Protein backbone atom coordinates (compact mmCIF):
# COMPACT_ATOMS: atom_id res chain seq x y z
CA UNK A 1 229.39 15.61 34.87
CA UNK A 2 226.69 17.17 35.51
CA UNK A 3 226.57 20.69 37.36
CA UNK A 4 224.62 21.78 40.60
CA UNK A 5 222.37 23.80 37.99
CA UNK A 6 221.58 20.34 35.61
CA UNK A 7 221.15 18.88 39.13
CA UNK A 8 218.65 21.32 40.13
CA UNK A 9 216.30 21.24 36.77
CA UNK A 10 216.57 17.53 36.55
CA UNK A 11 215.50 17.27 40.43
CA UNK A 12 212.87 20.21 39.57
CA UNK A 13 211.58 17.62 36.54
CA UNK A 14 211.14 14.90 38.89
CA UNK A 15 209.36 16.66 41.52
CA UNK A 16 206.70 17.90 38.82
CA UNK A 17 206.18 14.16 37.42
CA UNK A 18 205.92 13.08 41.09
CA UNK A 19 203.53 15.78 41.60
CA UNK A 20 200.97 14.71 38.55
CA UNK A 21 201.15 11.06 39.39
CA UNK A 22 200.55 12.08 43.26
CA UNK A 23 197.32 13.91 41.86
CA UNK A 24 196.36 11.12 38.82
CA UNK A 25 196.52 8.49 41.81
CA UNK A 26 194.47 11.08 43.92
CA UNK A 27 192.05 11.10 41.41
CA UNK A 28 191.87 7.43 41.21
CA UNK A 29 190.89 6.92 44.93
CA UNK A 30 188.64 9.75 44.83
CA UNK A 31 186.40 8.05 42.48
CA UNK A 32 186.92 4.73 44.04
CA UNK A 33 185.61 5.66 47.42
CA UNK A 34 183.28 7.67 45.79
CA UNK A 35 181.97 4.40 43.39
CA UNK A 36 182.05 2.48 46.94
CA UNK A 37 180.02 4.81 48.73
CA UNK A 38 177.52 5.44 46.24
CA UNK A 39 177.58 1.18 46.17
CA UNK A 40 176.58 1.49 49.90
CA UNK A 41 174.04 4.62 49.59
CA UNK A 42 172.46 2.41 46.92
CA UNK A 43 171.94 -1.16 49.31
CA UNK A 44 170.92 1.10 51.84
CA UNK A 45 167.75 2.60 49.23
CA UNK A 46 166.58 -0.54 48.49
CA UNK A 47 166.51 -1.95 51.88
CA UNK A 48 164.27 1.16 53.21
CA UNK A 49 162.21 1.12 50.10
CA UNK A 50 161.43 -2.84 50.91
CA UNK A 51 160.77 -1.59 55.02
CA UNK A 52 159.17 1.51 54.02
CA UNK A 53 156.91 -1.20 51.14
CA UNK A 54 156.27 -4.21 53.99
CA UNK A 55 155.03 -1.23 56.47
CA UNK A 56 152.59 0.03 53.66
CA UNK A 57 151.03 -3.21 53.18
CA UNK A 58 150.69 -3.55 57.02
CA UNK A 59 149.13 -0.48 57.36
CA UNK A 60 146.52 -1.22 54.35
CA UNK A 61 145.67 -4.43 56.78
CA UNK A 62 145.16 -2.52 59.05
CA UNK A 63 142.89 0.58 57.71
CA UNK A 64 140.94 -2.48 55.78
CA UNK A 65 140.27 -4.12 59.11
CA UNK A 66 139.29 -0.71 60.97
CA UNK A 67 137.05 -0.16 58.11
CA UNK A 68 135.18 -3.60 58.33
CA UNK A 69 135.35 -3.21 61.90
CA UNK A 70 133.42 0.43 61.78
CA UNK A 71 131.07 -0.99 59.28
CA UNK A 72 130.08 -3.67 61.37
CA UNK A 73 129.90 -1.50 64.45
CA UNK A 74 127.73 0.92 62.25
CA UNK A 75 125.22 -2.21 61.33
CA UNK A 76 125.19 -3.29 65.21
CA UNK A 77 124.05 0.30 65.79
CA UNK A 78 120.88 0.13 63.50
CA UNK A 79 119.71 -2.94 64.48
CA UNK A 80 119.33 -1.82 68.00
């Protein structure tokens, strides 16, 4: 039969093991959540890059159209 000192020592050892297990699980969860966040963030960045690329193409087309209209107006002015 174990005495109170032995029981106390066994309890302390178990607490130490439980704390180590808790810390290990907490770190694993932190890594997993970080990876999930990174994946979501990457998806958002890809979407944003695609949106900006489409906007750039529209603006480039608008610029070309404006330059052509300017050239046509200048040609009309020189003819007049």
